[in-house]
Amino acid sequence: MAGKFSSTEEAPKAEAFSDNEETIVKNLADKYSIPKDAVETVLCALRSGGGTMAQFSHPFFGGMAQWSSGMTMIGHMFDHALKAKLDALCTDLAAYLRARPIPAETTFREEQDVSYRSGGATGAWWPQNLGAPSAVGAQNRLRYATFPETHRLVIEDSGRITVYDTGDLRISGVSQQQSGEQTISFTSQRGLVRVADLPIVSSA
C-alpha cells in the first residue's frame, strides 16, 4: 500500500468531540482493544468521508489505512485479525454517523493528509450538469470530485477547474504523494491511475 508511515510517526491530531462522542470513543476502544486516539482518528476520517468511507494514518494500523463497506486496507496488510477489527470499528462508527448530520464543507489539509466526504449540492464548485459526486476531497491544496455515473473526475487547482474522462475506471481512493508536486494519483480496479493519463474533457 502506498505511503506507509513508520510506527513512530505521530498520528493526526483529533478534532473536538461532544461528550456523547467521547463516551462512544471510549466504549469502542475498550470493546475492540484499540487505543483511544486511534478510534478518534478513525471517527474523524469517517466524518470527513460522509460516514461511508475513510482514509487515514495511524501507527496502530501500520500507517496508512482505508475503509469502505466491503473493503478494508491497513499498513499491516497481512494482519487479518487487525483488518477485521478495523472493519468492525468502522461499521459501528458508520452506523453512529448515519443517524447524525455530516458537516457539508470540504476539509482542506496540509500535504500528506487526505480527506473525503460524501458529495452534495451545498457549496458545489464542480459543473452542475455532472450530477452528484460519489466523493469529494482535497490533497496538497488541490480539490477533486468523482462522478462514476457520468464517468468524470473534476479537479480544481488555484481556481482552474479541469474535467477528465474516467471511462470505465472505478476510482476508489487517492494515492498518497511522496513529493511536494501539486499532483495526485488515484486508485482503481486496475491499479494506480495518473491524472496526466486521463483525457481532458474541458478546462476553465
N, C-alpha and C. Protein backbone atom coordinates (compact mmCIF):
# COMPACT_ATOMS: atom_id res chain seq x y z
N MET A 1 0.85 -1.19 0.00
CA MET A 1 0.00 0.00 0.00
C MET A 1 0.89 1.24 0.00
N ALA A 2 0.59 2.20 -0.81
CA ALA A 2 1.46 3.37 -0.97
C ALA A 2 1.46 4.23 0.26
N GLY A 3 2.62 4.84 0.52
CA GLY A 3 2.71 5.87 1.54
C GLY A 3 2.61 5.36 2.96
N LYS A 4 3.27 4.25 3.30
CA LYS A 4 3.23 3.76 4.67
C LYS A 4 3.96 4.70 5.60
N PHE A 5 3.50 4.72 6.85
CA PHE A 5 4.13 5.55 7.86
C PHE A 5 4.78 4.63 8.88
N SER A 6 5.88 5.07 9.45
CA SER A 6 6.55 4.26 10.45
C SER A 6 5.74 4.24 11.73
N SER A 7 6.00 3.24 12.57
CA SER A 7 5.25 3.09 13.81
C SER A 7 5.56 4.20 14.80
N THR A 8 6.62 4.96 14.55
CA THR A 8 6.97 6.04 15.48
C THR A 8 6.39 7.37 15.06
N GLU A 9 5.73 7.42 13.90
CA GLU A 9 5.20 8.69 13.42
C GLU A 9 3.99 9.09 14.23
N GLU A 10 3.87 10.36 14.52
CA GLU A 10 2.76 10.85 15.30
C GLU A 10 1.48 10.80 14.49
N ALA A 11 0.39 10.32 15.12
CA ALA A 11 -0.90 10.25 14.45
C ALA A 11 -1.48 11.64 14.30
N PRO A 12 -2.38 11.86 13.33
CA PRO A 12 -3.01 13.16 13.14
C PRO A 12 -3.75 13.60 14.39
N LYS A 13 -3.74 14.87 14.67
CA LYS A 13 -4.44 15.41 15.82
C LYS A 13 -5.94 15.24 15.65
N ALA A 14 -6.61 14.75 16.69
CA ALA A 14 -8.05 14.57 16.63
C ALA A 14 -8.76 15.88 16.86
N GLU A 15 -9.96 16.01 16.26
CA GLU A 15 -10.74 17.22 16.45
C GLU A 15 -11.55 17.11 17.72
N ALA A 16 -12.24 18.18 18.08
CA ALA A 16 -13.03 18.19 19.29
C ALA A 16 -14.23 17.26 19.15
N PHE A 17 -14.59 16.58 20.26
CA PHE A 17 -15.72 15.68 20.26
C PHE A 17 -16.71 16.10 21.33
N SER A 18 -17.98 15.78 21.10
CA SER A 18 -19.00 16.03 22.11
C SER A 18 -18.84 15.02 23.24
N ASP A 19 -19.52 15.28 24.35
CA ASP A 19 -19.45 14.36 25.48
C ASP A 19 -19.95 12.98 25.07
N ASN A 20 -21.01 12.95 24.24
CA ASN A 20 -21.55 11.67 23.78
C ASN A 20 -20.53 10.93 22.93
N GLU A 21 -19.85 11.66 22.05
CA GLU A 21 -18.84 11.02 21.20
C GLU A 21 -17.65 10.55 22.01
N GLU A 22 -17.26 11.30 23.03
CA GLU A 22 -16.17 10.87 23.91
C GLU A 22 -16.52 9.54 24.55
N THR A 23 -17.79 9.39 24.95
CA THR A 23 -18.23 8.14 25.56
C THR A 23 -18.19 7.00 24.55
N ILE A 24 -18.68 7.28 23.34
CA ILE A 24 -18.68 6.27 22.28
C ILE A 24 -17.25 5.85 21.94
N VAL A 25 -16.35 6.81 21.83
CA VAL A 25 -14.94 6.51 21.53
C VAL A 25 -14.35 5.61 22.60
N LYS A 26 -14.59 5.95 23.87
CA LYS A 26 -14.05 5.16 24.98
C LYS A 26 -14.63 3.75 24.98
N ASN A 27 -15.93 3.64 24.75
CA ASN A 27 -16.57 2.32 24.76
C ASN A 27 -16.06 1.43 23.63
N LEU A 28 -15.89 2.02 22.43
CA LEU A 28 -15.39 1.24 21.30
C LEU A 28 -13.92 0.89 21.47
N ALA A 29 -13.15 1.79 22.07
CA ALA A 29 -11.74 1.50 22.33
C ALA A 29 -11.62 0.30 23.27
N ASP A 30 -12.49 0.26 24.29
CA ASP A 30 -12.48 -0.87 25.22
C ASP A 30 -13.00 -2.15 24.54
N LYS A 31 -14.04 -2.00 23.74
CA LYS A 31 -14.67 -3.15 23.08
C LYS A 31 -13.71 -3.87 22.15
N TYR A 32 -12.93 -3.11 21.37
CA TYR A 32 -12.05 -3.71 20.37
C TYR A 32 -10.57 -3.70 20.77
N SER A 33 -10.29 -3.24 22.00
CA SER A 33 -8.89 -3.17 22.47
C SER A 33 -8.03 -2.37 21.50
N ILE A 34 -8.52 -1.18 21.15
CA ILE A 34 -7.84 -0.26 20.26
C ILE A 34 -7.55 1.03 21.03
N PRO A 35 -6.37 1.63 20.87
CA PRO A 35 -6.07 2.87 21.58
C PRO A 35 -7.13 3.94 21.31
N LYS A 36 -7.45 4.71 22.32
CA LYS A 36 -8.49 5.73 22.21
C LYS A 36 -8.19 6.73 21.09
N ASP A 37 -6.91 7.14 20.95
CA ASP A 37 -6.59 8.12 19.91
C ASP A 37 -6.73 7.52 18.52
N ALA A 38 -6.58 6.19 18.40
CA ALA A 38 -6.79 5.54 17.10
C ALA A 38 -8.27 5.55 16.73
N VAL A 39 -9.14 5.32 17.71
CA VAL A 39 -10.58 5.37 17.46
C VAL A 39 -10.98 6.80 17.07
N GLU A 40 -10.40 7.80 17.75
CA GLU A 40 -10.68 9.20 17.42
C GLU A 40 -10.27 9.51 15.98
N THR A 41 -9.11 9.01 15.57
CA THR A 41 -8.63 9.24 14.21
C THR A 41 -9.58 8.63 13.18
N VAL A 42 -10.05 7.41 13.45
CA VAL A 42 -10.99 6.76 12.54
C VAL A 42 -12.31 7.51 12.48
N LEU A 43 -12.79 7.98 13.63
CA LEU A 43 -14.04 8.75 13.65
C LEU A 43 -13.91 10.02 12.83
N CYS A 44 -12.80 10.74 12.97
CA CYS A 44 -12.56 11.96 12.18
C CYS A 44 -12.56 11.64 10.68
N ALA A 45 -11.88 10.54 10.30
CA ALA A 45 -11.79 10.18 8.89
C ALA A 45 -13.16 9.79 8.33
N LEU A 46 -13.93 9.05 9.11
CA LEU A 46 -15.27 8.67 8.66
C LEU A 46 -16.18 9.88 8.55
N ARG A 47 -16.05 10.80 9.47
CA ARG A 47 -16.86 12.02 9.42
C ARG A 47 -16.53 12.79 8.15
N SER A 48 -15.24 12.89 7.81
CA SER A 48 -14.83 13.56 6.57
C SER A 48 -15.31 12.80 5.35
N GLY A 49 -15.46 11.48 5.49
CA GLY A 49 -15.90 10.65 4.38
C GLY A 49 -17.40 10.47 4.30
N GLY A 50 -18.13 11.35 4.95
CA GLY A 50 -19.58 11.28 4.87
C GLY A 50 -20.18 10.06 5.54
N GLY A 51 -19.38 9.40 6.38
CA GLY A 51 -19.88 8.23 7.09
C GLY A 51 -19.85 6.96 6.27
N THR A 52 -19.30 7.01 5.05
CA THR A 52 -19.29 5.84 4.18
C THR A 52 -17.89 5.36 3.81
N MET A 53 -16.89 6.18 4.00
CA MET A 53 -15.52 5.80 3.66
C MET A 53 -14.54 6.55 4.55
N ALA A 54 -13.33 6.03 4.65
CA ALA A 54 -12.31 6.67 5.47
C ALA A 54 -10.93 6.36 4.91
N GLN A 55 -10.06 7.35 4.95
CA GLN A 55 -8.65 7.16 4.64
C GLN A 55 -7.88 7.96 5.67
N PHE A 56 -6.93 7.31 6.35
CA PHE A 56 -6.24 7.96 7.46
C PHE A 56 -4.91 7.26 7.70
N SER A 57 -4.14 7.82 8.61
CA SER A 57 -2.88 7.20 9.01
C SER A 57 -2.82 7.13 10.53
N HIS A 58 -2.48 5.96 11.05
CA HIS A 58 -2.27 5.81 12.49
C HIS A 58 -1.31 4.65 12.72
N PRO A 59 -0.33 4.82 13.61
CA PRO A 59 0.67 3.76 13.85
C PRO A 59 0.07 2.43 14.27
N PHE A 60 -1.06 2.46 14.97
CA PHE A 60 -1.66 1.21 15.45
C PHE A 60 -2.05 0.29 14.29
N PHE A 61 -2.43 0.90 13.16
CA PHE A 61 -2.81 0.12 11.99
C PHE A 61 -1.68 0.00 10.98
N GLY A 62 -0.47 0.37 11.38
CA GLY A 62 0.68 0.23 10.50
C GLY A 62 0.86 1.37 9.53
N GLY A 63 0.26 2.53 9.82
CA GLY A 63 0.38 3.68 8.93
C GLY A 63 -0.91 3.92 8.18
N MET A 64 -0.81 4.04 6.85
CA MET A 64 -1.98 4.36 6.04
C MET A 64 -3.00 3.23 6.06
N ALA A 65 -4.29 3.63 6.14
CA ALA A 65 -5.38 2.65 6.13
C ALA A 65 -6.57 3.24 5.38
N GLN A 66 -7.37 2.37 4.80
CA GLN A 66 -8.58 2.79 4.09
C GLN A 66 -9.72 1.86 4.46
N TRP A 67 -10.93 2.40 4.47
CA TRP A 67 -12.11 1.57 4.73
C TRP A 67 -13.30 2.09 3.95
N SER A 68 -14.06 1.19 3.41
CA SER A 68 -15.41 1.43 2.91
C SER A 68 -16.11 0.10 3.02
N SER A 69 -17.42 0.09 2.91
CA SER A 69 -18.17 -1.15 3.09
C SER A 69 -17.68 -2.21 2.10
N GLY A 70 -17.18 -3.32 2.62
CA GLY A 70 -16.68 -4.39 1.78
C GLY A 70 -15.21 -4.31 1.46
N MET A 71 -14.52 -3.24 1.88
CA MET A 71 -13.10 -3.07 1.59
C MET A 71 -12.37 -2.48 2.80
N THR A 72 -11.35 -3.19 3.29
CA THR A 72 -10.54 -2.72 4.41
C THR A 72 -9.08 -2.93 4.06
N MET A 73 -8.27 -1.86 4.15
CA MET A 73 -6.83 -1.95 3.88
C MET A 73 -6.08 -1.28 5.01
N ILE A 74 -5.02 -1.93 5.49
CA ILE A 74 -4.19 -1.36 6.55
C ILE A 74 -2.72 -1.53 6.19
N GLY A 75 -1.88 -0.78 6.90
CA GLY A 75 -0.44 -0.88 6.66
C GLY A 75 0.09 -2.27 6.97
N HIS A 76 -0.42 -2.88 8.06
CA HIS A 76 -0.06 -4.26 8.40
C HIS A 76 -0.93 -5.19 7.54
N MET A 77 -0.63 -5.26 6.26
CA MET A 77 -1.54 -5.88 5.31
C MET A 77 -1.79 -7.36 5.54
N PHE A 78 -0.91 -8.06 6.24
CA PHE A 78 -1.10 -9.49 6.47
C PHE A 78 -1.68 -9.80 7.84
N ASP A 79 -2.00 -8.75 8.59
CA ASP A 79 -2.62 -8.94 9.91
C ASP A 79 -4.13 -8.95 9.72
N HIS A 80 -4.68 -10.12 9.42
CA HIS A 80 -6.10 -10.24 9.10
C HIS A 80 -6.98 -9.97 10.31
N ALA A 81 -6.49 -10.32 11.50
CA ALA A 81 -7.27 -10.05 12.71
C ALA A 81 -7.42 -8.54 12.93
N LEU A 82 -6.34 -7.79 12.66
CA LEU A 82 -6.41 -6.34 12.82
C LEU A 82 -7.31 -5.72 11.77
N LYS A 83 -7.28 -6.25 10.54
CA LYS A 83 -8.18 -5.77 9.49
C LYS A 83 -9.64 -5.99 9.89
N ALA A 84 -9.93 -7.15 10.43
CA ALA A 84 -11.30 -7.44 10.87
C ALA A 84 -11.71 -6.51 12.01
N LYS A 85 -10.76 -6.20 12.87
CA LYS A 85 -11.05 -5.30 13.99
C LYS A 85 -11.37 -3.90 13.48
N LEU A 86 -10.59 -3.41 12.49
CA LEU A 86 -10.86 -2.10 11.92
C LEU A 86 -12.20 -2.09 11.19
N ASP A 87 -12.51 -3.15 10.46
CA ASP A 87 -13.78 -3.23 9.75
C ASP A 87 -14.95 -3.15 10.74
N ALA A 88 -14.85 -3.86 11.85
CA ALA A 88 -15.92 -3.85 12.85
C ALA A 88 -16.04 -2.46 13.49
N LEU A 89 -14.90 -1.84 13.77
CA LEU A 89 -14.92 -0.50 14.36
C LEU A 89 -15.57 0.50 13.40
N CYS A 90 -15.16 0.47 12.14
CA CYS A 90 -15.71 1.40 11.16
C CYS A 90 -17.20 1.17 10.94
N THR A 91 -17.61 -0.08 10.95
CA THR A 91 -19.03 -0.40 10.79
C THR A 91 -19.84 0.21 11.93
N ASP A 92 -19.35 0.09 13.15
CA ASP A 92 -20.04 0.67 14.31
C ASP A 92 -20.08 2.20 14.22
N LEU A 93 -18.94 2.80 13.88
CA LEU A 93 -18.89 4.27 13.80
C LEU A 93 -19.73 4.79 12.64
N ALA A 94 -19.74 4.07 11.51
CA ALA A 94 -20.55 4.49 10.37
C ALA A 94 -22.03 4.46 10.73
N ALA A 95 -22.45 3.45 11.50
CA ALA A 95 -23.85 3.36 11.93
C ALA A 95 -24.19 4.54 12.83
N TYR A 96 -23.25 4.93 13.69
CA TYR A 96 -23.46 6.09 14.56
C TYR A 96 -23.60 7.37 13.73
N LEU A 97 -22.73 7.55 12.73
CA LEU A 97 -22.75 8.77 11.93
C LEU A 97 -23.96 8.85 11.00
N ARG A 98 -24.47 7.71 10.55
CA ARG A 98 -25.63 7.72 9.67
C ARG A 98 -26.85 8.37 10.33
N ALA A 99 -26.89 8.29 11.64
CA ALA A 99 -28.03 8.85 12.37
C ALA A 99 -27.84 10.32 12.71
N ARG A 100 -26.70 10.90 12.28
CA ARG A 100 -26.39 12.28 12.61
C ARG A 100 -25.94 13.04 11.38
N PRO A 101 -26.20 14.36 11.32
CA PRO A 101 -25.80 15.14 10.14
C PRO A 101 -24.29 15.21 10.00
N ILE A 102 -23.82 15.13 8.75
CA ILE A 102 -22.40 15.26 8.44
C ILE A 102 -22.13 16.68 7.97
N PRO A 103 -21.13 17.38 8.52
CA PRO A 103 -20.83 18.73 8.04
C PRO A 103 -20.60 18.75 6.55
N ALA A 104 -21.14 19.77 5.86
CA ALA A 104 -21.12 19.79 4.40
C ALA A 104 -19.82 20.31 3.81
N GLU A 105 -19.02 21.03 4.58
CA GLU A 105 -17.84 21.66 3.98
C GLU A 105 -16.76 20.65 3.68
N THR A 106 -16.00 20.91 2.63
CA THR A 106 -14.84 20.10 2.31
C THR A 106 -13.70 20.49 3.23
N THR A 107 -13.02 19.50 3.80
CA THR A 107 -11.93 19.76 4.72
C THR A 107 -10.62 19.81 3.95
N PHE A 108 -9.87 20.90 4.10
CA PHE A 108 -8.57 21.01 3.47
C PHE A 108 -7.48 20.72 4.50
N ARG A 109 -6.49 19.96 4.09
CA ARG A 109 -5.39 19.57 4.97
C ARG A 109 -4.07 20.02 4.35
N GLU A 110 -3.01 19.86 5.14
CA GLU A 110 -1.68 20.11 4.61
C GLU A 110 -1.25 18.89 3.78
N GLU A 111 -0.08 18.93 3.19
CA GLU A 111 0.42 17.83 2.39
C GLU A 111 0.49 16.57 3.23
N GLN A 112 0.33 15.41 2.56
CA GLN A 112 0.32 14.09 3.15
C GLN A 112 -0.92 13.80 3.95
N ASP A 113 -1.96 14.65 3.85
CA ASP A 113 -3.19 14.42 4.59
C ASP A 113 -4.35 14.48 3.62
N VAL A 114 -5.14 13.45 3.53
CA VAL A 114 -6.23 13.37 2.57
C VAL A 114 -7.55 13.27 3.31
N SER A 115 -8.59 13.93 2.79
CA SER A 115 -9.90 13.84 3.41
C SER A 115 -10.95 13.57 2.36
N TYR A 116 -12.03 12.92 2.78
CA TYR A 116 -13.14 12.61 1.91
C TYR A 116 -14.44 13.02 2.58
N ARG A 117 -15.46 13.21 1.77
CA ARG A 117 -16.81 13.34 2.29
C ARG A 117 -17.77 12.97 1.18
N SER A 118 -18.99 12.66 1.54
CA SER A 118 -19.98 12.38 0.51
C SER A 118 -20.33 13.66 -0.22
N GLY A 119 -20.58 13.56 -1.51
CA GLY A 119 -20.91 14.73 -2.31
C GLY A 119 -22.30 15.23 -2.01
N GLY A 120 -22.51 16.51 -2.24
CA GLY A 120 -23.82 17.11 -2.05
C GLY A 120 -23.88 18.41 -2.80
N ALA A 121 -25.07 18.99 -2.91
CA ALA A 121 -25.24 20.20 -3.70
C ALA A 121 -24.73 21.43 -2.98
N THR A 122 -24.70 21.38 -1.63
CA THR A 122 -24.30 22.56 -0.87
C THR A 122 -22.84 22.90 -1.13
N GLY A 123 -22.58 24.13 -1.54
CA GLY A 123 -21.21 24.58 -1.76
C GLY A 123 -20.54 23.92 -2.94
N ALA A 124 -21.31 23.41 -3.87
CA ALA A 124 -20.74 22.70 -5.02
C ALA A 124 -19.90 23.64 -5.87
N TRP A 125 -18.70 23.22 -6.23
CA TRP A 125 -17.80 24.03 -7.06
C TRP A 125 -17.60 23.38 -8.43
N TRP A 126 -18.13 22.18 -8.62
CA TRP A 126 -17.97 21.45 -9.87
C TRP A 126 -19.13 21.76 -10.83
N PRO A 127 -18.99 21.47 -12.12
CA PRO A 127 -20.08 21.70 -13.07
C PRO A 127 -21.34 20.94 -12.65
N GLN A 128 -22.46 21.64 -12.59
CA GLN A 128 -23.68 21.05 -12.06
C GLN A 128 -24.28 19.98 -12.96
N ASN A 129 -23.94 20.00 -14.26
CA ASN A 129 -24.51 19.00 -15.16
C ASN A 129 -23.93 17.61 -14.97
N LEU A 130 -22.93 17.48 -14.09
CA LEU A 130 -22.33 16.18 -13.84
C LEU A 130 -23.11 15.37 -12.81
N GLY A 131 -24.04 16.02 -12.12
CA GLY A 131 -24.80 15.31 -11.11
C GLY A 131 -24.14 15.38 -9.75
N ALA A 132 -24.45 14.41 -8.90
CA ALA A 132 -23.90 14.38 -7.53
C ALA A 132 -22.65 13.52 -7.49
N PRO A 133 -21.57 14.01 -6.89
CA PRO A 133 -20.33 13.23 -6.81
C PRO A 133 -20.45 12.11 -5.79
N SER A 134 -19.70 11.04 -6.00
CA SER A 134 -19.67 9.95 -5.02
C SER A 134 -18.70 10.27 -3.90
N ALA A 135 -17.71 11.12 -4.18
CA ALA A 135 -16.74 11.52 -3.16
C ALA A 135 -16.13 12.86 -3.53
N VAL A 136 -15.82 13.64 -2.52
CA VAL A 136 -15.16 14.93 -2.70
C VAL A 136 -14.05 15.01 -1.66
N GLY A 137 -12.90 15.53 -2.05
CA GLY A 137 -11.81 15.61 -1.10
C GLY A 137 -10.76 16.61 -1.53
N ALA A 138 -9.65 16.63 -0.81
CA ALA A 138 -8.57 17.57 -1.09
C ALA A 138 -7.24 16.95 -0.71
N GLN A 139 -6.22 17.29 -1.46
CA GLN A 139 -4.85 16.88 -1.15
C GLN A 139 -3.90 17.89 -1.76
N ASN A 140 -2.86 18.23 -0.99
CA ASN A 140 -1.86 19.18 -1.48
C ASN A 140 -2.49 20.45 -2.03
N ARG A 141 -3.54 20.91 -1.37
CA ARG A 141 -4.24 22.16 -1.74
C ARG A 141 -4.96 22.07 -3.08
N LEU A 142 -5.08 20.89 -3.63
CA LEU A 142 -5.95 20.66 -4.77
C LEU A 142 -7.24 20.05 -4.24
N ARG A 143 -8.35 20.26 -4.93
CA ARG A 143 -9.55 19.55 -4.53
C ARG A 143 -10.16 18.85 -5.73
N TYR A 144 -10.88 17.78 -5.46
CA TYR A 144 -11.37 16.93 -6.52
C TYR A 144 -12.75 16.39 -6.18
N ALA A 145 -13.47 15.94 -7.20
CA ALA A 145 -14.76 15.30 -7.04
C ALA A 145 -14.87 14.20 -8.08
N THR A 146 -15.42 13.06 -7.71
CA THR A 146 -15.55 11.93 -8.63
C THR A 146 -17.02 11.68 -8.95
N PHE A 147 -17.30 11.37 -10.22
CA PHE A 147 -18.66 11.17 -10.70
C PHE A 147 -18.74 9.86 -11.49
N PRO A 148 -18.92 8.74 -10.82
CA PRO A 148 -18.93 7.45 -11.52
C PRO A 148 -20.08 7.30 -12.50
N GLU A 149 -21.21 7.93 -12.22
CA GLU A 149 -22.37 7.78 -13.11
C GLU A 149 -22.12 8.43 -14.47
N THR A 150 -21.39 9.53 -14.49
CA THR A 150 -21.11 10.23 -15.75
C THR A 150 -19.67 10.03 -16.21
N HIS A 151 -18.93 9.18 -15.49
CA HIS A 151 -17.54 8.83 -15.85
C HIS A 151 -16.64 10.07 -15.91
N ARG A 152 -16.73 10.88 -14.87
CA ARG A 152 -15.95 12.11 -14.83
C ARG A 152 -15.19 12.27 -13.51
N LEU A 153 -14.05 12.92 -13.60
CA LEU A 153 -13.27 13.36 -12.45
C LEU A 153 -13.03 14.85 -12.63
N VAL A 154 -13.30 15.66 -11.59
CA VAL A 154 -13.10 17.10 -11.67
C VAL A 154 -12.05 17.51 -10.64
N ILE A 155 -11.08 18.29 -11.08
CA ILE A 155 -10.02 18.77 -10.18
C ILE A 155 -9.95 20.29 -10.29
N GLU A 156 -9.88 20.94 -9.14
CA GLU A 156 -9.69 22.39 -9.09
C GLU A 156 -8.29 22.68 -8.55
N ASP A 157 -7.54 23.43 -9.27
CA ASP A 157 -6.18 23.81 -8.88
C ASP A 157 -6.03 25.31 -9.07
N SER A 158 -5.91 26.04 -7.96
CA SER A 158 -5.74 27.50 -7.99
C SER A 158 -6.85 28.19 -8.78
N GLY A 159 -8.08 27.72 -8.60
CA GLY A 159 -9.23 28.33 -9.25
C GLY A 159 -9.52 27.80 -10.64
N ARG A 160 -8.63 26.99 -11.20
CA ARG A 160 -8.83 26.42 -12.53
C ARG A 160 -9.47 25.03 -12.40
N ILE A 161 -10.61 24.83 -13.04
CA ILE A 161 -11.34 23.58 -12.95
C ILE A 161 -11.16 22.77 -14.22
N THR A 162 -10.68 21.54 -14.08
CA THR A 162 -10.46 20.65 -15.22
C THR A 162 -11.31 19.40 -15.04
N VAL A 163 -12.02 19.03 -16.11
CA VAL A 163 -12.87 17.85 -16.10
C VAL A 163 -12.19 16.75 -16.92
N TYR A 164 -12.06 15.56 -16.34
CA TYR A 164 -11.41 14.43 -17.01
C TYR A 164 -12.41 13.30 -17.26
N ASP A 165 -12.17 12.55 -18.33
CA ASP A 165 -12.98 11.38 -18.65
C ASP A 165 -12.33 10.16 -18.00
N THR A 166 -13.06 9.48 -17.11
CA THR A 166 -12.50 8.31 -16.43
C THR A 166 -12.88 7.00 -17.11
N GLY A 167 -13.70 7.07 -18.17
CA GLY A 167 -14.06 5.85 -18.89
C GLY A 167 -14.72 4.83 -17.98
N ASP A 168 -14.23 3.58 -18.03
CA ASP A 168 -14.82 2.53 -17.20
C ASP A 168 -14.06 2.32 -15.89
N LEU A 169 -13.16 3.25 -15.56
CA LEU A 169 -12.41 3.14 -14.31
C LEU A 169 -13.32 3.44 -13.12
N ARG A 170 -13.20 2.65 -12.07
CA ARG A 170 -13.94 2.88 -10.84
C ARG A 170 -12.95 3.41 -9.80
N ILE A 171 -12.91 4.71 -9.64
CA ILE A 171 -11.97 5.34 -8.73
C ILE A 171 -12.42 5.12 -7.29
N SER A 172 -11.51 4.61 -6.47
CA SER A 172 -11.89 4.25 -5.10
C SER A 172 -11.11 4.98 -4.03
N GLY A 173 -10.09 5.72 -4.41
CA GLY A 173 -9.31 6.42 -3.39
C GLY A 173 -8.16 7.18 -3.99
N VAL A 174 -7.42 7.87 -3.13
CA VAL A 174 -6.29 8.69 -3.56
C VAL A 174 -5.00 8.05 -3.09
N SER A 175 -4.00 8.04 -3.97
CA SER A 175 -2.68 7.54 -3.61
C SER A 175 -1.89 8.65 -2.96
N GLN A 176 -1.28 8.38 -1.81
CA GLN A 176 -0.51 9.39 -1.09
C GLN A 176 0.66 9.90 -1.92
N GLN A 177 0.87 11.20 -1.88
CA GLN A 177 2.01 11.81 -2.56
C GLN A 177 3.27 11.66 -1.70
N GLN A 178 4.39 11.42 -2.35
CA GLN A 178 5.66 11.32 -1.65
C GLN A 178 6.58 12.50 -1.99
N SER A 179 6.04 13.50 -2.66
CA SER A 179 6.83 14.68 -3.02
C SER A 179 5.96 15.91 -2.88
N GLY A 180 6.54 17.07 -3.11
CA GLY A 180 5.80 18.31 -2.98
C GLY A 180 5.10 18.73 -4.24
N GLU A 181 5.08 17.89 -5.27
CA GLU A 181 4.45 18.27 -6.52
C GLU A 181 2.94 18.42 -6.33
N GLN A 182 2.37 19.38 -7.06
CA GLN A 182 0.94 19.62 -6.98
C GLN A 182 0.19 18.66 -7.91
N THR A 183 0.38 17.37 -7.70
CA THR A 183 -0.31 16.36 -8.50
C THR A 183 -0.84 15.28 -7.57
N ILE A 184 -1.86 14.57 -8.02
CA ILE A 184 -2.38 13.46 -7.26
C ILE A 184 -2.65 12.30 -8.19
N SER A 185 -2.63 11.10 -7.64
CA SER A 185 -2.96 9.90 -8.38
C SER A 185 -4.09 9.19 -7.64
N PHE A 186 -4.86 8.40 -8.38
CA PHE A 186 -6.00 7.71 -7.81
C PHE A 186 -5.83 6.21 -7.94
N THR A 187 -6.52 5.47 -7.10
CA THR A 187 -6.55 4.02 -7.21
C THR A 187 -7.86 3.60 -7.88
N SER A 188 -7.80 2.50 -8.60
CA SER A 188 -8.98 1.99 -9.30
C SER A 188 -8.91 0.48 -9.33
N GLN A 189 -9.90 -0.15 -9.96
CA GLN A 189 -9.91 -1.61 -10.08
C GLN A 189 -8.75 -2.11 -10.94
N ARG A 190 -8.10 -1.20 -11.67
CA ARG A 190 -6.95 -1.58 -12.50
C ARG A 190 -5.63 -1.09 -11.93
N GLY A 191 -5.65 -0.63 -10.69
CA GLY A 191 -4.44 -0.15 -10.07
C GLY A 191 -4.35 1.37 -10.06
N LEU A 192 -3.11 1.87 -10.04
CA LEU A 192 -2.88 3.31 -9.94
C LEU A 192 -3.28 4.03 -11.23
N VAL A 193 -3.95 5.17 -11.07
CA VAL A 193 -4.37 5.98 -12.21
C VAL A 193 -3.75 7.37 -12.06
N ARG A 194 -2.94 7.76 -13.02
CA ARG A 194 -2.36 9.10 -13.00
C ARG A 194 -3.29 10.06 -13.72
N VAL A 195 -3.50 11.20 -13.11
CA VAL A 195 -4.39 12.21 -13.72
C VAL A 195 -3.87 12.60 -15.10
N ALA A 196 -2.56 12.67 -15.26
CA ALA A 196 -1.97 13.07 -16.54
C ALA A 196 -2.32 12.10 -17.67
N ASP A 197 -2.73 10.86 -17.33
CA ASP A 197 -3.06 9.87 -18.35
C ASP A 197 -4.52 9.89 -18.75
N LEU A 198 -5.34 10.70 -18.06
CA LEU A 198 -6.77 10.75 -18.35
C LEU A 198 -7.06 11.81 -19.41
N PRO A 199 -7.98 11.53 -20.33
CA PRO A 199 -8.36 12.51 -21.35
C PRO A 199 -9.04 13.72 -20.72
N ILE A 200 -8.70 14.92 -21.16
CA ILE A 200 -9.33 16.14 -20.66
C ILE A 200 -10.57 16.44 -21.47
N VAL A 201 -11.71 16.63 -20.76
CA VAL A 201 -12.97 16.98 -21.39
C VAL A 201 -13.11 18.48 -21.53
N SER A 202 -12.76 19.21 -20.48
CA SER A 202 -12.82 20.68 -20.50
C SER A 202 -11.91 21.22 -19.42
N SER A 203 -11.50 22.47 -19.61
CA SER A 203 -10.65 23.14 -18.63
C SER A 203 -10.94 24.64 -18.69
N ALA A 204 -11.20 25.23 -17.51
CA ALA A 204 -11.53 26.66 -17.47
C ALA A 204 -11.12 27.24 -16.12
